Amino acid sequence: MARTYDIVVIGAGPAGSSAARAAAQRGVKVLLIDRRERIGVPVQCAELVSQWIARYAPFSSKSVLQTIETMVTHLPDGTYYEMKGPGYMLDRSLFDQELAASALLSGATISTETKGILLSPEGLVVEQGGKRKSSHQRF
C-alpha cells in the first residue's frame, strides 16, 4: 500500500530534521529522506554552535564535547579574530542523529539511503537501493 505525504524533506542535517520535526508536530504527514546510510556520518560541518541553538535544536548533554566561551579564528595571512560568546563543541554525528530521532518521535517517517531525483507531475521520484521509485510507490 502506497503512503502519501504532505511534505518531503530532503536531507537529514540540522535544518532538514528540524523542519521535519516542526511539520510533524503540527500534524503534517512528513517523509524525511537522506542519501546517507547513517544520518550524521560522515560529519558534514563544523562542531561549534552558539548556546542559543539549544532554543531551536534540542540536543542531549551526551552530544556536548565541551563548553566554549571564546572562539579564535586564524586566517591564512596570519591575522586572527577573537569572538567571545558562549557555545558548545558538539559531537556532530550524534547531534544530527538526535535531531532526526526527534523528528521521528514527532511523527515523521525517515528513509535513509534515499536520494531525491526529480519532481514530476506524478510526484517525487527517488532513488533507493539503486532503483528509482515514484511517490505513488512505497518507499
N, C-alpha and C. Protein backbone atom coordinates (compact mmCIF):
# COMPACT_ATOMS: atom_id res chain seq x y z
N MET A 1 0.84 -1.18 0.00
CA MET A 1 0.00 0.00 0.00
C MET A 1 0.88 1.24 0.00
N ALA A 2 0.65 2.13 -0.91
CA ALA A 2 1.45 3.34 -1.02
C ALA A 2 1.07 4.32 0.08
N ARG A 3 2.06 5.07 0.55
CA ARG A 3 1.81 6.11 1.54
C ARG A 3 1.93 7.45 0.84
N THR A 4 1.13 8.37 1.24
CA THR A 4 1.24 9.72 0.72
C THR A 4 1.72 10.63 1.83
N TYR A 5 2.44 11.64 1.45
CA TYR A 5 3.00 12.60 2.40
C TYR A 5 2.61 13.99 1.97
N ASP A 6 2.42 14.84 2.94
CA ASP A 6 2.16 16.25 2.66
C ASP A 6 3.45 16.98 2.32
N ILE A 7 4.53 16.57 2.98
CA ILE A 7 5.83 17.21 2.80
C ILE A 7 6.91 16.14 2.73
N VAL A 8 7.83 16.32 1.80
CA VAL A 8 9.04 15.50 1.76
C VAL A 8 10.20 16.45 2.00
N VAL A 9 10.98 16.17 3.02
CA VAL A 9 12.16 16.97 3.35
C VAL A 9 13.38 16.18 2.88
N ILE A 10 14.21 16.82 2.07
CA ILE A 10 15.39 16.16 1.54
C ILE A 10 16.61 16.61 2.32
N GLY A 11 17.23 15.67 3.00
CA GLY A 11 18.44 15.94 3.78
C GLY A 11 18.14 15.96 5.26
N ALA A 12 18.75 15.03 6.01
CA ALA A 12 18.50 14.92 7.45
C ALA A 12 19.62 15.56 8.27
N GLY A 13 20.10 16.71 7.77
CA GLY A 13 21.02 17.52 8.57
C GLY A 13 20.20 18.31 9.58
N PRO A 14 20.82 19.23 10.29
CA PRO A 14 20.09 20.00 11.30
C PRO A 14 18.87 20.75 10.76
N ALA A 15 19.00 21.39 9.62
CA ALA A 15 17.86 22.14 9.07
C ALA A 15 16.74 21.20 8.63
N GLY A 16 17.09 20.15 7.91
CA GLY A 16 16.07 19.22 7.43
C GLY A 16 15.35 18.50 8.55
N SER A 17 16.11 17.99 9.51
CA SER A 17 15.48 17.29 10.64
C SER A 17 14.62 18.23 11.47
N SER A 18 15.08 19.46 11.65
CA SER A 18 14.29 20.45 12.41
C SER A 18 13.01 20.80 11.68
N ALA A 19 13.09 20.96 10.35
CA ALA A 19 11.89 21.26 9.56
C ALA A 19 10.91 20.09 9.61
N ALA A 20 11.43 18.88 9.50
CA ALA A 20 10.57 17.69 9.55
C ALA A 20 9.89 17.58 10.92
N ARG A 21 10.65 17.82 11.98
CA ARG A 21 10.08 17.77 13.33
C ARG A 21 8.98 18.81 13.50
N ALA A 22 9.26 20.04 13.08
CA ALA A 22 8.28 21.13 13.23
C ALA A 22 6.99 20.82 12.47
N ALA A 23 7.12 20.32 11.26
CA ALA A 23 5.92 20.00 10.47
C ALA A 23 5.16 18.83 11.10
N ALA A 24 5.88 17.80 11.50
CA ALA A 24 5.22 16.62 12.11
C ALA A 24 4.51 17.00 13.40
N GLN A 25 5.09 17.90 14.18
CA GLN A 25 4.45 18.33 15.43
C GLN A 25 3.13 19.04 15.17
N ARG A 26 2.96 19.55 13.97
CA ARG A 26 1.73 20.24 13.60
C ARG A 26 0.75 19.32 12.87
N GLY A 27 1.04 18.02 12.89
CA GLY A 27 0.12 17.04 12.32
C GLY A 27 0.28 16.80 10.83
N VAL A 28 1.33 17.31 10.24
CA VAL A 28 1.57 17.12 8.81
C VAL A 28 2.23 15.76 8.59
N LYS A 29 1.86 15.05 7.53
CA LYS A 29 2.50 13.78 7.19
C LYS A 29 3.81 14.09 6.48
N VAL A 30 4.92 13.74 7.15
CA VAL A 30 6.25 14.14 6.69
C VAL A 30 7.11 12.91 6.39
N LEU A 31 7.79 12.96 5.26
CA LEU A 31 8.83 11.99 4.93
C LEU A 31 10.15 12.74 4.89
N LEU A 32 11.11 12.30 5.68
CA LEU A 32 12.46 12.87 5.71
C LEU A 32 13.38 11.87 5.05
N ILE A 33 14.01 12.27 3.94
CA ILE A 33 14.91 11.35 3.24
C ILE A 33 16.34 11.86 3.33
N ASP A 34 17.28 10.91 3.34
CA ASP A 34 18.69 11.25 3.34
C ASP A 34 19.43 10.21 2.50
N ARG A 35 20.38 10.67 1.70
CA ARG A 35 21.10 9.75 0.82
C ARG A 35 22.11 8.89 1.55
N ARG A 36 22.49 9.31 2.76
CA ARG A 36 23.49 8.55 3.51
C ARG A 36 22.87 7.31 4.16
N GLU A 37 23.72 6.33 4.41
CA GLU A 37 23.28 5.12 5.11
C GLU A 37 22.99 5.41 6.56
N ARG A 38 23.88 6.21 7.19
CA ARG A 38 23.71 6.59 8.60
C ARG A 38 23.64 8.11 8.68
N ILE A 39 22.61 8.59 9.31
CA ILE A 39 22.46 10.04 9.47
C ILE A 39 23.62 10.55 10.31
N GLY A 40 24.22 11.65 9.86
CA GLY A 40 25.32 12.28 10.59
C GLY A 40 26.69 11.75 10.26
N VAL A 41 26.78 10.72 9.41
CA VAL A 41 28.06 10.11 9.07
C VAL A 41 28.21 10.10 7.55
N PRO A 42 29.26 10.69 6.99
CA PRO A 42 30.30 11.43 7.68
C PRO A 42 29.81 12.82 8.11
N VAL A 43 30.52 13.42 9.05
CA VAL A 43 30.19 14.76 9.53
C VAL A 43 30.31 15.72 8.36
N GLN A 44 29.31 16.60 8.22
CA GLN A 44 29.24 17.50 7.08
C GLN A 44 29.65 18.94 7.39
N CYS A 45 29.81 19.28 8.66
CA CYS A 45 30.02 20.68 9.01
C CYS A 45 30.74 20.77 10.34
N ALA A 46 31.05 21.97 10.74
CA ALA A 46 31.77 22.21 12.00
C ALA A 46 30.95 21.82 13.21
N GLU A 47 31.63 21.69 14.32
CA GLU A 47 31.00 21.23 15.54
C GLU A 47 30.66 22.35 16.51
N LEU A 48 31.07 23.57 16.24
CA LEU A 48 30.83 24.68 17.16
C LEU A 48 29.46 25.29 16.92
N VAL A 49 28.67 25.38 17.98
CA VAL A 49 27.38 26.07 17.90
C VAL A 49 27.23 27.00 19.08
N SER A 50 26.52 28.08 18.87
CA SER A 50 26.22 29.04 19.93
C SER A 50 25.29 28.39 20.94
N GLN A 51 25.35 28.85 22.17
CA GLN A 51 24.44 28.32 23.18
C GLN A 51 22.99 28.55 22.80
N TRP A 52 22.73 29.55 21.99
CA TRP A 52 21.36 29.90 21.62
C TRP A 52 20.72 28.86 20.71
N ILE A 53 21.53 28.02 20.09
CA ILE A 53 20.98 26.99 19.20
C ILE A 53 20.10 26.02 19.98
N ALA A 54 20.37 25.85 21.26
CA ALA A 54 19.59 24.92 22.09
C ALA A 54 18.12 25.33 22.17
N ARG A 55 17.81 26.59 21.92
CA ARG A 55 16.41 27.03 21.90
C ARG A 55 15.65 26.42 20.73
N TYR A 56 16.35 26.16 19.64
CA TYR A 56 15.72 25.74 18.39
C TYR A 56 16.04 24.30 18.00
N ALA A 57 17.15 23.79 18.44
CA ALA A 57 17.58 22.44 18.08
C ALA A 57 17.99 21.71 19.35
N PRO A 58 17.08 20.96 19.92
CA PRO A 58 17.40 20.29 21.19
C PRO A 58 18.48 19.23 21.02
N PHE A 59 19.35 19.15 22.00
CA PHE A 59 20.38 18.10 21.99
C PHE A 59 20.67 17.70 23.42
N SER A 60 21.12 16.48 23.58
CA SER A 60 21.40 15.97 24.92
C SER A 60 22.79 16.36 25.36
N SER A 61 23.04 16.25 26.63
CA SER A 61 24.38 16.54 27.15
C SER A 61 25.41 15.54 26.61
N LYS A 62 24.95 14.36 26.15
CA LYS A 62 25.87 13.38 25.57
C LYS A 62 26.53 13.89 24.30
N SER A 63 25.87 14.78 23.59
CA SER A 63 26.45 15.28 22.33
C SER A 63 27.39 16.47 22.56
N VAL A 64 27.45 16.99 23.78
CA VAL A 64 28.34 18.12 24.09
C VAL A 64 29.72 17.58 24.45
N LEU A 65 30.72 17.95 23.65
CA LEU A 65 32.10 17.53 23.92
C LEU A 65 32.77 18.48 24.90
N GLN A 66 32.48 19.78 24.75
CA GLN A 66 32.99 20.76 25.72
C GLN A 66 32.26 22.07 25.53
N THR A 67 32.24 22.87 26.60
CA THR A 67 31.66 24.21 26.51
C THR A 67 32.75 25.17 26.05
N ILE A 68 32.33 26.23 25.39
CA ILE A 68 33.25 27.21 24.81
C ILE A 68 32.82 28.60 25.27
N GLU A 69 33.78 29.42 25.61
CA GLU A 69 33.49 30.82 25.96
C GLU A 69 34.01 31.78 24.90
N THR A 70 35.09 31.39 24.21
CA THR A 70 35.72 32.26 23.21
C THR A 70 36.18 31.41 22.02
N MET A 71 36.01 31.96 20.82
CA MET A 71 36.50 31.29 19.63
C MET A 71 37.55 32.18 18.97
N VAL A 72 38.66 31.60 18.60
CA VAL A 72 39.70 32.34 17.89
C VAL A 72 39.82 31.74 16.50
N THR A 73 39.67 32.61 15.48
CA THR A 73 39.79 32.18 14.09
C THR A 73 41.11 32.67 13.54
N HIS A 74 41.95 31.76 13.08
CA HIS A 74 43.24 32.10 12.48
C HIS A 74 43.10 32.06 10.96
N LEU A 75 43.47 33.15 10.31
CA LEU A 75 43.37 33.27 8.86
C LEU A 75 44.71 32.97 8.19
N PRO A 76 44.68 32.61 6.91
CA PRO A 76 45.92 32.26 6.21
C PRO A 76 46.98 33.36 6.20
N ASP A 77 46.56 34.62 6.26
CA ASP A 77 47.55 35.72 6.23
C ASP A 77 48.19 35.98 7.59
N GLY A 78 47.86 35.16 8.59
CA GLY A 78 48.45 35.30 9.91
C GLY A 78 47.63 36.11 10.88
N THR A 79 46.61 36.78 10.40
CA THR A 79 45.76 37.54 11.31
C THR A 79 44.79 36.58 12.01
N TYR A 80 44.25 37.04 13.11
CA TYR A 80 43.28 36.22 13.82
C TYR A 80 42.22 37.12 14.43
N TYR A 81 41.09 36.53 14.66
CA TYR A 81 39.97 37.25 15.25
C TYR A 81 39.46 36.45 16.43
N GLU A 82 39.21 37.18 17.52
CA GLU A 82 38.68 36.53 18.71
C GLU A 82 37.22 36.94 18.88
N MET A 83 36.37 35.95 19.08
CA MET A 83 34.95 36.22 19.26
C MET A 83 34.52 35.61 20.58
N LYS A 84 34.03 36.47 21.45
CA LYS A 84 33.54 35.98 22.73
C LYS A 84 32.07 35.60 22.58
N GLY A 85 31.70 34.56 23.22
CA GLY A 85 30.32 34.11 23.16
C GLY A 85 30.23 32.67 23.58
N PRO A 86 29.34 32.38 24.51
CA PRO A 86 29.23 31.01 24.99
C PRO A 86 28.65 30.08 23.92
N GLY A 87 29.14 28.87 23.94
CA GLY A 87 28.66 27.87 23.00
C GLY A 87 29.14 26.49 23.37
N TYR A 88 29.03 25.59 22.41
CA TYR A 88 29.37 24.20 22.64
C TYR A 88 30.12 23.62 21.44
N MET A 89 31.06 22.74 21.74
CA MET A 89 31.63 21.87 20.72
C MET A 89 30.81 20.60 20.81
N LEU A 90 30.17 20.23 19.70
CA LEU A 90 29.28 19.08 19.71
C LEU A 90 29.89 17.90 18.96
N ASP A 91 29.47 16.72 19.32
CA ASP A 91 29.70 15.53 18.51
C ASP A 91 28.64 15.64 17.42
N ARG A 92 29.05 16.13 16.24
CA ARG A 92 28.07 16.44 15.20
C ARG A 92 27.30 15.23 14.71
N SER A 93 27.93 14.08 14.63
CA SER A 93 27.18 12.91 14.17
C SER A 93 26.07 12.57 15.16
N LEU A 94 26.37 12.63 16.45
CA LEU A 94 25.36 12.36 17.47
C LEU A 94 24.28 13.44 17.47
N PHE A 95 24.69 14.69 17.32
CA PHE A 95 23.75 15.81 17.25
C PHE A 95 22.76 15.61 16.09
N ASP A 96 23.28 15.29 14.90
CA ASP A 96 22.41 15.06 13.74
C ASP A 96 21.46 13.89 13.99
N GLN A 97 21.97 12.83 14.60
CA GLN A 97 21.14 11.66 14.87
C GLN A 97 20.04 11.99 15.89
N GLU A 98 20.38 12.78 16.90
CA GLU A 98 19.37 13.18 17.89
C GLU A 98 18.27 14.03 17.26
N LEU A 99 18.64 14.93 16.36
CA LEU A 99 17.63 15.76 15.70
C LEU A 99 16.72 14.90 14.82
N ALA A 100 17.30 13.95 14.10
CA ALA A 100 16.48 13.05 13.26
C ALA A 100 15.56 12.21 14.14
N ALA A 101 16.06 11.73 15.28
CA ALA A 101 15.24 10.94 16.20
C ALA A 101 14.09 11.79 16.74
N SER A 102 14.35 13.06 16.98
CA SER A 102 13.31 13.97 17.44
C SER A 102 12.22 14.12 16.39
N ALA A 103 12.61 14.19 15.12
CA ALA A 103 11.63 14.27 14.02
C ALA A 103 10.80 12.98 13.98
N LEU A 104 11.47 11.85 14.13
CA LEU A 104 10.79 10.55 14.12
C LEU A 104 9.80 10.45 15.28
N LEU A 105 10.22 10.85 16.47
CA LEU A 105 9.34 10.81 17.64
C LEU A 105 8.16 11.77 17.52
N SER A 106 8.32 12.79 16.68
CA SER A 106 7.24 13.75 16.45
C SER A 106 6.26 13.26 15.39
N GLY A 107 6.61 12.14 14.73
CA GLY A 107 5.67 11.57 13.75
C GLY A 107 6.17 11.50 12.33
N ALA A 108 7.35 12.03 12.06
CA ALA A 108 7.90 11.97 10.69
C ALA A 108 8.35 10.54 10.38
N THR A 109 8.34 10.20 9.11
CA THR A 109 8.90 8.94 8.63
C THR A 109 10.27 9.26 8.06
N ILE A 110 11.25 8.39 8.33
CA ILE A 110 12.60 8.62 7.83
C ILE A 110 12.99 7.48 6.90
N SER A 111 13.60 7.85 5.78
CA SER A 111 14.11 6.86 4.83
C SER A 111 15.55 7.23 4.49
N THR A 112 16.49 6.37 4.91
CA THR A 112 17.91 6.59 4.59
C THR A 112 18.25 5.88 3.29
N GLU A 113 19.43 6.17 2.79
CA GLU A 113 19.89 5.65 1.50
C GLU A 113 18.85 5.92 0.42
N THR A 114 18.25 7.10 0.50
CA THR A 114 17.21 7.52 -0.43
C THR A 114 17.58 8.89 -0.95
N LYS A 115 17.63 9.01 -2.25
CA LYS A 115 18.05 10.26 -2.88
C LYS A 115 16.91 10.82 -3.74
N GLY A 116 16.58 12.08 -3.53
CA GLY A 116 15.59 12.74 -4.37
C GLY A 116 16.17 12.97 -5.76
N ILE A 117 15.47 12.52 -6.79
CA ILE A 117 15.96 12.64 -8.17
C ILE A 117 15.29 13.79 -8.90
N LEU A 118 13.96 13.79 -8.92
CA LEU A 118 13.24 14.86 -9.61
C LEU A 118 11.81 14.92 -9.13
N LEU A 119 11.22 16.08 -9.34
CA LEU A 119 9.82 16.28 -9.02
C LEU A 119 9.08 16.32 -10.34
N SER A 120 8.20 15.37 -10.56
CA SER A 120 7.44 15.29 -11.80
C SER A 120 5.98 15.60 -11.50
N PRO A 121 5.16 15.76 -12.54
CA PRO A 121 3.73 15.98 -12.30
C PRO A 121 3.08 14.84 -11.52
N GLU A 122 3.65 13.64 -11.61
CA GLU A 122 3.12 12.48 -10.89
C GLU A 122 3.59 12.43 -9.45
N GLY A 123 4.58 13.21 -9.09
CA GLY A 123 5.09 13.22 -7.73
C GLY A 123 6.60 13.17 -7.70
N LEU A 124 7.14 12.92 -6.53
CA LEU A 124 8.58 12.87 -6.32
C LEU A 124 9.14 11.53 -6.81
N VAL A 125 10.27 11.59 -7.50
CA VAL A 125 10.98 10.38 -7.91
C VAL A 125 12.24 10.31 -7.06
N VAL A 126 12.44 9.15 -6.41
CA VAL A 126 13.61 8.94 -5.58
C VAL A 126 14.37 7.74 -6.09
N GLU A 127 15.64 7.68 -5.68
CA GLU A 127 16.45 6.50 -5.95
C GLU A 127 16.76 5.87 -4.60
N GLN A 128 16.45 4.59 -4.48
CA GLN A 128 16.66 3.87 -3.23
C GLN A 128 17.12 2.46 -3.58
N GLY A 129 18.29 2.10 -3.06
CA GLY A 129 18.82 0.77 -3.36
C GLY A 129 19.10 0.55 -4.83
N GLY A 130 19.49 1.61 -5.53
CA GLY A 130 19.78 1.50 -6.96
C GLY A 130 18.55 1.50 -7.85
N LYS A 131 17.36 1.59 -7.26
CA LYS A 131 16.12 1.57 -8.04
C LYS A 131 15.41 2.90 -7.89
N ARG A 132 14.81 3.33 -8.98
CA ARG A 132 14.01 4.55 -8.95
C ARG A 132 12.57 4.21 -8.60
N LYS A 133 12.00 5.04 -7.74
CA LYS A 133 10.62 4.87 -7.33
C LYS A 133 9.93 6.22 -7.38
N SER A 134 8.67 6.20 -7.73
CA SER A 134 7.92 7.46 -7.69
C SER A 134 7.10 7.49 -6.42
N SER A 135 6.58 8.65 -6.10
CA SER A 135 5.91 8.83 -4.83
C SER A 135 4.65 7.97 -4.70
N HIS A 136 4.15 7.43 -5.78
CA HIS A 136 2.98 6.54 -5.65
C HIS A 136 3.40 5.11 -5.31
N GLN A 137 4.73 4.86 -5.26
CA GLN A 137 5.21 3.56 -4.81
C GLN A 137 5.66 3.68 -3.35
N ARG A 138 5.71 2.58 -2.66
CA ARG A 138 6.12 2.60 -1.24
C ARG A 138 7.63 2.76 -1.14
N PHE A 139 8.04 3.71 -0.32
CA PHE A 139 9.48 3.86 0.00
C PHE A 139 9.65 4.37 1.38
